[in-house]
PDB file of N, CA and C in Angstrom:
ATOM      1  N   MET A   1     -13.814 -11.030  -3.501  1.00  0.00           N
ATOM      2  CA  MET A   1     -12.664 -10.410  -4.101  1.00  0.00           C
ATOM      3  C   MET A   1     -11.686 -10.027  -2.993  1.00  0.00           C
ATOM      4  N   LYS A   2     -10.428 -10.283  -3.226  1.00  0.00           N
ATOM      5  CA  LYS A   2      -9.396  -9.982  -2.237  1.00  0.00           C
ATOM      6  C   LYS A   2      -9.092  -8.480  -2.247  1.00  0.00           C
ATOM      7  N   GLN A   3      -9.072  -7.899  -1.052  1.00  0.00           N
ATOM      8  CA  GLN A   3      -8.759  -6.483  -0.943  1.00  0.00           C
ATOM      9  C   GLN A   3      -7.251  -6.293  -0.896  1.00  0.00           C
ATOM     10  N   SER A   4      -6.767  -5.331  -1.662  1.00  0.00           N
ATOM     11  CA  SER A   4      -5.351  -5.000  -1.681  1.00  0.00           C
ATOM     12  C   SER A   4      -5.170  -3.574  -1.171  1.00  0.00           C
ATOM     13  N   PHE A   5      -4.015  -3.301  -0.641  1.00  0.00           N
ATOM     14  CA  PHE A   5      -3.711  -1.967  -0.132  1.00  0.00           C
ATOM     15  C   PHE A   5      -2.575  -1.359  -0.933  1.00  0.00           C
ATOM     16  N   ILE A   6      -2.664  -0.066  -1.149  1.00  0.00           N
ATOM     17  CA  ILE A   6      -1.571   0.687  -1.756  1.00  0.00           C
ATOM     18  C   ILE A   6      -1.280   1.873  -0.840  1.00  0.00           C
ATOM     19  N   TYR A   7      -0.126   2.448  -1.008  1.00  0.00           N
ATOM     20  CA  TYR A   7       0.291   3.573  -0.181  1.00  0.00           C
ATOM     21  C   TYR A   7       0.206   4.859  -0.990  1.00  0.00           C
ATOM     22  N   LYS A   8      -0.496   5.817  -0.427  1.00  0.00           N
ATOM     23  CA  LYS A   8      -0.707   7.110  -1.068  1.00  0.00           C
ATOM     24  C   LYS A   8       0.229   8.126  -0.419  1.00  0.00           C
ATOM     25  N   ILE A   9       1.000   8.796  -1.238  1.00  0.00           N
ATOM     26  CA  ILE A   9       1.906   9.841  -0.751  1.00  0.00           C
ATOM     27  C   ILE A   9       1.420  11.166  -1.310  1.00  0.00           C
ATOM     28  N   GLU A  10       1.124  12.086  -0.399  1.00  0.00           N
ATOM     29  CA  GLU A  10       0.580  13.375  -0.799  1.00  0.00           C
ATOM     30  C   GLU A  10       1.471  14.488  -0.249  1.00  0.00           C
ATOM     31  N   VAL A  11       1.826  15.416  -1.117  1.00  0.00           N
ATOM     32  CA  VAL A  11       2.642  16.565  -0.717  1.00  0.00           C
ATOM     33  C   VAL A  11       1.795  17.817  -0.887  1.00  0.00           C
ATOM     34  N   ASN A  12       1.559  18.516   0.223  1.00  0.00           N
ATOM     35  CA  ASN A  12       0.789  19.767   0.235  1.00  0.00           C
ATOM     36  C   ASN A  12       1.704  20.904   0.624  1.00  0.00           C
ATOM     37  N   TYR A  13       1.708  21.965  -0.179  1.00  0.00           N
ATOM     38  CA  TYR A  13       2.487  23.141   0.175  1.00  0.00           C
ATOM     39  C   TYR A  13       1.681  24.017   1.113  1.00  0.00           C
ATOM     40  N   ILE A  14       2.332  24.486   2.170  1.00  0.00           N
ATOM     41  CA  ILE A  14       1.719  25.373   3.147  1.00  0.00           C
ATOM     42  C   ILE A  14       2.118  26.785   2.741  1.00  0.00           C
ATOM     43  N   ASN A  15       1.134  27.586   2.405  1.00  0.00           N
ATOM     44  CA  ASN A  15       1.415  28.889   1.812  1.00  0.00           C
ATOM     45  C   ASN A  15       1.537  29.996   2.848  1.00  0.00           C
ATOM     46  N   ASN A  16       2.528  29.875   3.716  1.00  0.00           N
ATOM     47  CA  ASN A  16       2.798  30.936   4.684  1.00  0.00           C
ATOM     48  C   ASN A  16       3.681  32.013   4.079  1.00  0.00           C
ATOM     49  N   LEU A  17       4.395  31.668   3.053  1.00  0.00           N
ATOM     50  CA  LEU A  17       5.285  32.632   2.418  1.00  0.00           C
ATOM     51  C   LEU A  17       4.586  33.299   1.244  1.00  0.00           C
ATOM     52  N   VAL A  18       4.831  34.562   1.056  1.00  0.00           N
ATOM     53  CA  VAL A  18       4.219  35.286  -0.052  1.00  0.00           C
ATOM     54  C   VAL A  18       4.806  34.807  -1.382  1.00  0.00           C
ATOM     55  N   GLY A  19       6.063  34.418  -1.386  1.00  0.00           N
ATOM     56  CA  GLY A  19       6.734  34.023  -2.619  1.00  0.00           C
ATOM     57  C   GLY A  19       6.303  32.681  -3.179  1.00  0.00           C
ATOM     58  N   ILE A  20       5.601  31.880  -2.388  1.00  0.00           N
ATOM     59  CA  ILE A  20       5.159  30.576  -2.882  1.00  0.00           C
ATOM     60  C   ILE A  20       3.716  30.702  -3.344  1.00  0.00           C
ATOM     61  N   LYS A  21       3.489  30.356  -4.599  1.00  0.00           N
ATOM     62  CA  LYS A  21       2.133  30.483  -5.132  1.00  0.00           C
ATOM     63  C   LYS A  21       1.256  29.321  -4.661  1.00  0.00           C
ATOM     64  N   GLN A  22      -0.036  29.522  -4.746  1.00  0.00           N
ATOM     65  CA  GLN A  22      -0.991  28.470  -4.377  1.00  0.00           C
ATOM     66  C   GLN A  22      -0.818  27.299  -5.341  1.00  0.00           C
ATOM     67  N   SER A  23      -0.721  26.107  -4.792  1.00  0.00           N
ATOM     68  CA  SER A  23      -0.546  24.952  -5.658  1.00  0.00           C
ATOM     69  C   SER A  23      -1.406  23.794  -5.173  1.00  0.00           C
ATOM     70  N   LEU A  24      -1.734  22.921  -6.090  1.00  0.00           N
ATOM     71  CA  LEU A  24      -2.513  21.732  -5.775  1.00  0.00           C
ATOM     72  C   LEU A  24      -1.606  20.684  -5.164  1.00  0.00           C
ATOM     73  N   PRO A  25      -2.160  19.784  -4.356  1.00  0.00           N
ATOM     74  CA  PRO A  25      -1.323  18.716  -3.790  1.00  0.00           C
ATOM     75  C   PRO A  25      -0.852  17.757  -4.874  1.00  0.00           C
ATOM     76  N   VAL A  26       0.324  17.210  -4.672  1.00  0.00           N
ATOM     77  CA  VAL A  26       0.891  16.220  -5.588  1.00  0.00           C
ATOM     78  C   VAL A  26       0.703  14.857  -4.938  1.00  0.00           C
ATOM     79  N   VAL A  27       0.063  13.936  -5.656  1.00  0.00           N
ATOM     80  CA  VAL A  27      -0.261  12.627  -5.110  1.00  0.00           C
ATOM     81  C   VAL A  27       0.426  11.547  -5.931  1.00  0.00           C
ATOM     82  N   SER A  28       1.048  10.594  -5.233  1.00  0.00           N
ATOM     83  CA  SER A  28       1.679   9.434  -5.876  1.00  0.00           C
ATOM     84  C   SER A  28       1.235   8.183  -5.140  1.00  0.00           C
ATOM     85  N   TYR A  29       1.231   7.069  -5.842  1.00  0.00           N
ATOM     86  CA  TYR A  29       0.824   5.794  -5.251  1.00  0.00           C
ATOM     87  C   TYR A  29       1.937   4.768  -5.412  1.00  0.00           C
ATOM     88  N   PHE A  30       2.131   3.960  -4.371  1.00  0.00           N
ATOM     89  CA  PHE A  30       3.118   2.892  -4.390  1.00  0.00           C
ATOM     90  C   PHE A  30       2.489   1.622  -3.834  1.00  0.00           C
ATOM     91  N   SER A  31       2.907   0.484  -4.348  1.00  0.00           N
ATOM     92  CA  SER A  31       2.372  -0.781  -3.857  1.00  0.00           C
ATOM     93  C   SER A  31       3.172  -1.327  -2.685  1.00  0.00           C
ATOM     94  N   ASN A  32       4.346  -0.768  -2.434  1.00  0.00           N
ATOM     95  CA  ASN A  32       5.234  -1.272  -1.398  1.00  0.00           C
ATOM     96  C   ASN A  32       5.724  -0.089  -0.560  1.00  0.00           C
ATOM     97  N   LEU A  33       5.596  -0.193   0.751  1.00  0.00           N
ATOM     98  CA  LEU A  33       6.002   0.913   1.631  1.00  0.00           C
ATOM     99  C   LEU A  33       7.506   1.152   1.579  1.00  0.00           C
ATOM    100  N   LYS A  34       8.289   0.099   1.508  1.00  0.00           N
ATOM    101  CA  LYS A  34       9.750   0.248   1.470  1.00  0.00           C
ATOM    102  C   LYS A  34      10.183   1.015   0.226  1.00  0.00           C
ATOM    103  N   ILE A  35       9.603   0.684  -0.912  1.00  0.00           N
ATOM    104  CA  ILE A  35       9.952   1.376  -2.159  1.00  0.00           C
ATOM    105  C   ILE A  35       9.487   2.829  -2.101  1.00  0.00           C
ATOM    106  N   ALA A  36       8.320   3.067  -1.500  1.00  0.00           N
ATOM    107  CA  ALA A  36       7.821   4.435  -1.366  1.00  0.00           C
ATOM    108  C   ALA A  36       8.772   5.285  -0.528  1.00  0.00           C
ATOM    109  N   LEU A  37       9.234   4.723   0.593  1.00  0.00           N
ATOM    110  CA  LEU A  37      10.148   5.472   1.460  1.00  0.00           C
ATOM    111  C   LEU A  37      11.501   5.687   0.808  1.00  0.00           C
ATOM    112  N   GLU A  38      11.998   4.693   0.074  1.00  0.00           N
ATOM    113  CA  GLU A  38      13.267   4.884  -0.651  1.00  0.00           C
ATOM    114  C   GLU A  38      13.134   6.011  -1.664  1.00  0.00           C
ATOM    115  N   SER A  39      11.998   6.090  -2.326  1.00  0.00           N
ATOM    116  CA  SER A  39      11.757   7.168  -3.280  1.00  0.00           C
ATOM    117  C   SER A  39      11.719   8.524  -2.572  1.00  0.00           C
ATOM    118  N   ILE A  40      11.042   8.583  -1.443  1.00  0.00           N
ATOM    119  CA  ILE A  40      10.972   9.828  -0.668  1.00  0.00           C
ATOM    120  C   ILE A  40      12.356  10.256  -0.210  1.00  0.00           C
ATOM    121  N   PHE A  41      13.135   9.311   0.331  1.00  0.00           N
ATOM    122  CA  PHE A  41      14.485   9.630   0.816  1.00  0.00           C
ATOM    123  C   PHE A  41      15.361  10.170  -0.314  1.00  0.00           C
ATOM    124  N   SER A  42      15.302   9.540  -1.475  1.00  0.00           N
ATOM    125  CA  SER A  42      16.157   9.980  -2.581  1.00  0.00           C
ATOM    126  C   SER A  42      15.752  11.356  -3.090  1.00  0.00           C
ATOM    127  N   ILE A  43      14.451  11.618  -3.176  1.00  0.00           N
ATOM    128  CA  ILE A  43      14.003  12.925  -3.663  1.00  0.00           C
ATOM    129  C   ILE A  43      14.323  14.028  -2.647  1.00  0.00           C
ATOM    130  N   LEU A  44      14.136  13.740  -1.357  1.00  0.00           N
ATOM    131  CA  LEU A  44      14.488  14.731  -0.342  1.00  0.00           C
ATOM    132  C   LEU A  44      15.984  15.042  -0.372  1.00  0.00           C
ATOM    133  N   ALA A  45      16.794  14.009  -0.553  1.00  0.00           N
ATOM    134  CA  ALA A  45      18.248  14.218  -0.620  1.00  0.00           C
ATOM    135  C   ALA A  45      18.627  15.024  -1.862  1.00  0.00           C
ATOM    136  N   LEU A  46      17.999  14.737  -2.993  1.00  0.00           N
ATOM    137  CA  LEU A  46      18.296  15.479  -4.220  1.00  0.00           C
ATOM    138  C   LEU A  46      17.906  16.944  -4.103  1.00  0.00           C
ATOM    139  N   ARG A  47      16.833  17.216  -3.401  1.00  0.00           N
ATOM    140  CA  ARG A  47      16.344  18.590  -3.268  1.00  0.00           C
ATOM    141  C   ARG A  47      16.944  19.328  -2.074  1.00  0.00           C
ATOM    142  N   GLY A  48      17.757  18.648  -1.273  1.00  0.00           N
ATOM    143  CA  GLY A  48      18.452  19.303  -0.176  1.00  0.00           C
ATOM    144  C   GLY A  48      17.689  19.377   1.134  1.00  0.00           C
ATOM    145  N   TRP A  49      16.594  18.619   1.280  1.00  0.00           N
ATOM    146  CA  TRP A  49      15.825  18.613   2.519  1.00  0.00           C
ATOM    147  C   TRP A  49      16.351  17.552   3.463  1.00  0.00           C
ATOM    148  N   ASP A  50      16.248  17.822   4.754  1.00  0.00           N
ATOM    149  CA  ASP A  50      16.691  16.878   5.774  1.00  0.00           C
ATOM    150  C   ASP A  50      15.616  15.817   5.977  1.00  0.00           C
ATOM    151  N   ASP A  51      16.005  14.540   5.909  1.00  0.00           N
ATOM    152  CA  ASP A  51      15.029  13.458   6.038  1.00  0.00           C
ATOM    153  C   ASP A  51      15.142  12.742   7.383  1.00  0.00           C
ATOM    154  N   HIS A  52      15.715  13.392   8.389  1.00  0.00           N
ATOM    155  CA  HIS A  52      15.906  12.733   9.681  1.00  0.00           C
ATOM    156  C   HIS A  52      14.594  12.450  10.396  1.00  0.00           C
ATOM    157  N   LYS A  53      13.496  13.115  10.010  1.00  0.00           N
ATOM    158  CA  LYS A  53      12.207  12.899  10.662  1.00  0.00           C
ATOM    159  C   LYS A  53      11.595  11.550  10.285  1.00  0.00           C
ATOM    160  N   ILE A  54      11.942  11.049   9.131  1.00  0.00           N
ATOM    161  CA  ILE A  54      11.256   9.891   8.567  1.00  0.00           C
ATOM    162  C   ILE A  54      12.124   8.646   8.690  1.00  0.00           C
ATOM    163  N   ASN A  55      11.542   7.567   9.234  1.00  0.00           N
ATOM    164  CA  ASN A  55      12.177   6.256   9.168  1.00  0.00           C
ATOM    165  C   ASN A  55      11.088   5.208   9.006  1.00  0.00           C
ATOM    166  N   TYR A  56      11.467   4.052   8.544  1.00  0.00           N
ATOM    167  CA  TYR A  56      10.500   3.020   8.190  1.00  0.00           C
ATOM    168  C   TYR A  56       9.634   2.619   9.378  1.00  0.00           C
ATOM    169  N   THR A  57      10.237   2.407  10.523  1.00  0.00           N
ATOM    170  CA  THR A  57       9.493   1.947  11.694  1.00  0.00           C
ATOM    171  C   THR A  57       8.453   2.976  12.130  1.00  0.00           C
ATOM    172  N   ALA A  58       8.828   4.249  12.158  1.00  0.00           N
ATOM    173  CA  ALA A  58       7.884   5.294  12.565  1.00  0.00           C
ATOM    174  C   ALA A  58       6.717   5.390  11.592  1.00  0.00           C
ATOM    175  N   VAL A  59       7.011   5.312  10.306  1.00  0.00           N
ATOM    176  CA  VAL A  59       5.955   5.392   9.297  1.00  0.00           C
ATOM    177  C   VAL A  59       5.030   4.188   9.409  1.00  0.00           C
ATOM    178  N   TYR A  60       5.590   2.996   9.512  1.00  0.00           N
ATOM    179  CA  TYR A  60       4.801   1.773   9.590  1.00  0.00           C
ATOM    180  C   TYR A  60       3.885   1.776  10.818  1.00  0.00           C
ATOM    181  N   ARG A  61       4.420   2.139  11.970  1.00  0.00           N
ATOM    182  CA  ARG A  61       3.621   2.156  13.202  1.00  0.00           C
ATOM    183  C   ARG A  61       2.540   3.221  13.166  1.00  0.00           C
ATOM    184  N   SER A  62       2.862   4.381  12.626  1.00  0.00           N
ATOM    185  CA  SER A  62       1.879   5.451  12.545  1.00  0.00           C
ATOM    186  C   SER A  62       0.731   5.073  11.612  1.00  0.00           C
ATOM    187  N   ILE A  63       1.046   4.462  10.486  1.00  0.00           N
ATOM    188  CA  ILE A  63      -0.002   4.029   9.557  1.00  0.00           C
ATOM    189  C   ILE A  63      -0.847   2.940  10.191  1.00  0.00           C
ATOM    190  N   LYS A  64      -0.213   2.044  10.919  1.00  0.00           N
ATOM    191  CA  LYS A  64      -0.946   0.957  11.571  1.00  0.00           C
ATOM    192  C   LYS A  64      -1.862   1.487  12.670  1.00  0.00           C
ATOM    193  N   ASP A  65      -1.404   2.452  13.456  1.00  0.00           N
ATOM    194  CA  ASP A  65      -2.174   2.976  14.587  1.00  0.00           C
ATOM    195  C   ASP A  65      -3.188   4.049  14.185  1.00  0.00           C
ATOM    196  N   ARG A  66      -2.740   5.023  13.386  1.00  0.00           N
ATOM    197  CA  ARG A  66      -3.584   6.175  13.074  1.00  0.00           C
ATOM    198  C   ARG A  66      -4.118   6.193  11.648  1.00  0.00           C
ATOM    199  N   GLY A  67      -3.575   5.340  10.788  1.00  0.00           N
ATOM    200  CA  GLY A  67      -4.022   5.326   9.402  1.00  0.00           C
ATOM    201  C   GLY A  67      -3.228   6.218   8.478  1.00  0.00           C
ATOM    202  N   LYS A  68      -2.354   7.066   9.042  1.00  0.00           N
ATOM    203  CA  LYS A  68      -1.530   7.928   8.200  1.00  0.00           C
ATOM    204  C   LYS A  68      -0.307   8.406   8.966  1.00  0.00           C
ATOM    205  N   TYR A  69       0.680   8.886   8.216  1.00  0.00           N
ATOM    206  CA  TYR A  69       1.903   9.459   8.781  1.00  0.00           C
ATOM    207  C   TYR A  69       2.060  10.845   8.182  1.00  0.00           C
ATOM    208  N   VAL A  70       2.319  11.833   9.011  1.00  0.00           N
ATOM    209  CA  VAL A  70       2.460  13.207   8.541  1.00  0.00           C
ATOM    210  C   VAL A  70       3.800  13.758   9.014  1.00  0.00           C
ATOM    211  N   ALA A  71       4.537  14.378   8.096  1.00  0.00           N
ATOM    212  CA  ALA A  71       5.785  15.067   8.426  1.00  0.00           C
ATOM    213  C   ALA A  71       5.749  16.442   7.772  1.00  0.00           C
ATOM    214  N   GLU A  72       6.064  17.460   8.545  1.00  0.00           N
ATOM    215  CA  GLU A  72       6.103  18.826   8.024  1.00  0.00           C
ATOM    216  C   GLU A  72       7.549  19.281   7.917  1.00  0.00           C
ATOM    217  N   PHE A  73       7.857  19.943   6.825  1.00  0.00           N
ATOM    218  CA  PHE A  73       9.208  20.423   6.577  1.00  0.00           C
ATOM    219  C   PHE A  73       9.200  21.942   6.609  1.00  0.00           C
ATOM    220  N   SER A  74      10.156  22.495   7.350  1.00  0.00           N
ATOM    221  CA  SER A  74      10.205  23.942   7.510  1.00  0.00           C
ATOM    222  C   SER A  74      11.615  24.459   7.259  1.00  0.00           C
ATOM    223  N   LEU A  75      11.683  25.753   7.018  1.00  0.00           N
ATOM    224  CA  LEU A  75      12.946  26.445   6.801  1.00  0.00           C
ATOM    225  C   LEU A  75      12.903  27.722   7.623  1.00  0.00           C
ATOM    226  N   LYS A  76      13.812  27.849   8.572  1.00  0.00           N
ATOM    227  CA  LYS A  76      13.871  29.004   9.478  1.00  0.00           C
ATOM    228  C   LYS A  76      12.527  29.229  10.175  1.00  0.00           C
ATOM    229  N   ASN A  77      11.984  28.144  10.721  1.00  0.00           N
ATOM    230  CA  ASN A  77      10.731  28.154  11.482  1.00  0.00           C
ATOM    231  C   ASN A  77       9.500  28.557  10.669  1.00  0.00           C
ATOM    232  N   VAL A  78       9.574  28.448   9.359  1.00  0.00           N
ATOM    233  CA  VAL A  78       8.423  28.678   8.492  1.00  0.00           C
ATOM    234  C   VAL A  78       8.125  27.362   7.778  1.00  0.00           C
ATOM    235  N   LYS A  79       6.916  26.842   7.984  1.00  0.00           N
ATOM    236  CA  LYS A  79       6.542  25.573   7.376  1.00  0.00           C
ATOM    237  C   LYS A  79       6.379  25.752   5.868  1.00  0.00           C
ATOM    238  N   ILE A  80       7.038  24.865   5.111  1.00  0.00           N
ATOM    239  CA  ILE A  80       7.017  24.958   3.653  1.00  0.00           C
ATOM    240  C   ILE A  80       6.048  23.950   3.054  1.00  0.00           C
ATOM    241  N   PHE A  81       6.200  22.663   3.419  1.00  0.00           N
ATOM    242  CA  PHE A  81       5.286  21.661   2.883  1.00  0.00           C
ATOM    243  C   PHE A  81       5.073  20.534   3.886  1.00  0.00           C
ATOM    244  N   ARG A  82       3.980  19.803   3.652  1.00  0.00           N
ATOM    245  CA  ARG A  82       3.585  18.676   4.501  1.00  0.00           C
ATOM    246  C   ARG A  82       3.567  17.419   3.644  1.00  0.00           C
ATOM    247  N   LEU A  83       4.206  16.376   4.141  1.00  0.00           N
ATOM    248  CA  LEU A  83       4.243  15.073   3.485  1.00  0.00           C
ATOM    249  C   LEU A  83       3.330  14.136   4.261  1.00  0.00           C
ATOM    250  N   GLU A  84       2.363  13.542   3.583  1.00  0.00           N
ATOM    251  CA  GLU A  84       1.411  12.640   4.237  1.00  0.00           C
ATOM    252  C   GLU A  84       1.413  11.297   3.526  1.00  0.00           C
ATOM    253  N   ILE A  85       1.614  10.238   4.304  1.00  0.00           N
ATOM    254  CA  ILE A  85       1.619   8.878   3.766  1.00  0.00           C
ATOM    255  C   ILE A  85       0.450   8.139   4.406  1.00  0.00           C
ATOM    256  N   SER A  86      -0.409   7.553   3.576  1.00  0.00           N
ATOM    257  CA  SER A  86      -1.564   6.826   4.102  1.00  0.00           C
ATOM    258  C   SER A  86      -1.768   5.541   3.316  1.00  0.00           C
ATOM    259  N   LYS A  87      -2.529   4.644   3.915  1.00  0.00           N
ATOM    260  CA  LYS A  87      -2.829   3.348   3.314  1.00  0.00           C
ATOM    261  C   LYS A  87      -4.237   3.415   2.733  1.00  0.00           C
ATOM    262  N   VAL A  88      -4.382   3.025   1.464  1.00  0.00           N
ATOM    263  CA  VAL A  88      -5.654   3.116   0.762  1.00  0.00           C
ATOM    264  C   VAL A  88      -6.062   1.727   0.286  1.00  0.00           C
ATOM    265  N   ILE A  89      -7.351   1.409   0.414  1.00  0.00           N
ATOM    266  CA  ILE A  89      -7.851   0.123  -0.084  1.00  0.00           C
ATOM    267  C   ILE A  89      -7.987   0.211  -1.596  1.00  0.00           C
ATOM    268  N   MET A  90      -7.353  -0.732  -2.285  1.00  0.00           N
ATOM    269  CA  MET A  90      -7.366  -0.708  -3.743  1.00  0.00           C
ATOM    270  C   MET A  90      -8.608  -1.385  -4.312  1.00  0.00           C
ATOM    271  N   ASN A  91      -9.046  -2.473  -3.729  1.00  0.00           N
ATOM    272  CA  ASN A  91     -10.220  -3.210  -4.187  1.00  0.00           C
ATOM    273  C   ASN A  91     -11.235  -3.287  -3.052  1.00  0.00           C
ATOM    274  N   PRO A  92     -12.016  -2.222  -2.850  1.00  0.00           N
ATOM    275  CA  PRO A  92     -12.975  -2.272  -1.748  1.00  0.00           C
ATOM    276  C   PRO A  92     -14.069  -3.292  -2.019  1.00  0.00           C
ATOM    277  N   ALA A  93     -14.640  -3.815  -0.949  1.00  0.00           N
ATOM    278  CA  ALA A  93     -15.740  -4.756  -1.093  1.00  0.00           C
ATOM    279  C   ALA A  93     -16.932  -4.016  -1.694  1.00  0.00           C
ATOM    280  N   LEU A  94     -17.637  -4.681  -2.565  1.00  0.00           N
ATOM    281  CA  LEU A  94     -18.787  -4.054  -3.202  1.00  0.00           C
ATOM    282  C   LEU A  94     -19.924  -3.899  -2.203  1.00  0.00           C
ATOM    283  N   SER A  95     -20.564  -2.765  -2.257  1.00  0.00           N
ATOM    284  CA  SER A  95     -21.709  -2.531  -1.388  1.00  0.00           C
ATOM    285  C   SER A  95     -22.958  -2.437  -2.256  1.00  0.00           C
ATOM    286  N   ASP A  96     -24.109  -2.322  -1.618  1.00  0.00           N
ATOM    287  CA  ASP A  96     -25.352  -2.203  -2.389  1.00  0.00           C
ATOM    288  C   ASP A  96     -25.640  -0.757  -2.800  1.00  0.00           C
ATOM    289  N   LEU A  97     -24.753   0.162  -2.460  1.00  0.00           N
ATOM    290  CA  LEU A  97     -24.853   1.571  -2.822  1.00  0.00           C
ATOM    291  C   LEU A  97     -26.145   2.215  -2.345  1.00  0.00           C
ATOM    292  N   GLY A  98     -26.830   1.608  -1.366  1.00  0.00           N
ATOM    293  CA  GLY A  98     -28.066   2.168  -0.855  1.00  0.00           C
ATOM    294  C   GLY A  98     -29.280   1.903  -1.729  1.00  0.00           C
ATOM    295  N   ILE A  99     -29.141   1.036  -2.716  1.00  0.00           N
ATOM    296  CA  ILE A  99     -30.250   0.728  -3.626  1.00  0.00           C
ATOM    297  C   ILE A  99     -31.043  -0.427  -3.036  1.00  0.00           C
ATOM    298  N   ASP A 100     -32.339  -0.222  -2.884  1.00  0.00           N
ATOM    299  CA  ASP A 100     -33.214  -1.266  -2.357  1.00  0.00           C
ATOM    300  C   ASP A 100     -33.554  -2.290  -3.425  1.00  0.00           C
ATOM    301  N   GLN A 101     -33.963  -3.443  -2.969  1.00  0.00           N
ATOM    302  CA  GLN A 101     -34.348  -4.508  -3.895  1.00  0.00           C
ATOM    303  C   GLN A 101     -35.646  -4.153  -4.584  1.00  0.00           C
ATOM    304  N   LYS A 102     -35.754  -4.513  -5.850  1.00  0.00           N
ATOM    305  CA  LYS A 102     -36.933  -4.224  -6.646  1.00  0.00           C
ATOM    306  C   LYS A 102     -38.124  -5.001  -6.093  1.00  0.00           C
ATOM    307  N   PRO A 103     -39.243  -4.328  -5.821  1.00  0.00           N
ATOM    308  CA  PRO A 103     -40.409  -5.059  -5.294  1.00  0.00           C
ATOM    309  C   PRO A 103     -41.073  -5.889  -6.398  1.00  0.00           C
ATOM    310  N   HIS A 104     -41.615  -7.046  -5.999  1.00  0.00           N
ATOM    311  CA  HIS A 104     -42.335  -7.903  -6.950  1.00  0.00           C
ATOM    312  C   HIS A 104     -43.804  -7.540  -6.917  1.00  0.00           C
ATOM    313  N   ILE A 105     -44.334  -7.167  -8.042  1.00  0.00           N
ATOM    314  CA  ILE A 105     -45.744  -6.813  -8.151  1.00  0.00           C
ATOM    315  C   ILE A 105     -46.434  -7.917  -8.931  1.00  0.00           C
ATOM    316  N   GLU A 106     -47.409  -8.536  -8.301  1.00  0.00           N
ATOM    317  CA  GLU A 106     -48.136  -9.606  -8.980  1.00  0.00           C
ATOM    318  C   GLU A 106     -49.256  -9.008  -9.819  1.00  0.00           C
ATOM    319  N   ALA A 107     -49.383  -9.489 -11.045  1.00  0.00           N
ATOM    320  CA  ALA A 107     -50.392  -8.945 -11.968  1.00  0.00           C
ATOM    321  C   ALA A 107     -51.750  -9.545 -11.776  1.00  0.00           C
TER     322      ALA A 107
END
């Protein structure tokens, strides 16, 4: 079976501020890195965040070298949230799951 890769985008809020409640990470999946980054850029622009940290080449190289790309966004030196982009195998190769072969018992 051919293995395919998808890109996982995870947003985690860093709760350094008292006014921000504890929240679960938000996870999205994309099949194309370019489309994922265009989506990130548009949402950051709509919400008023600066996207100068992120560019396609930096994300691509970081994922290739380290397996993930991380960018933290802060306001007045207080970290608000962390954006993490990673590559995930969609169709992993099947393993034997640690199950041994059934022994043959002769009657």
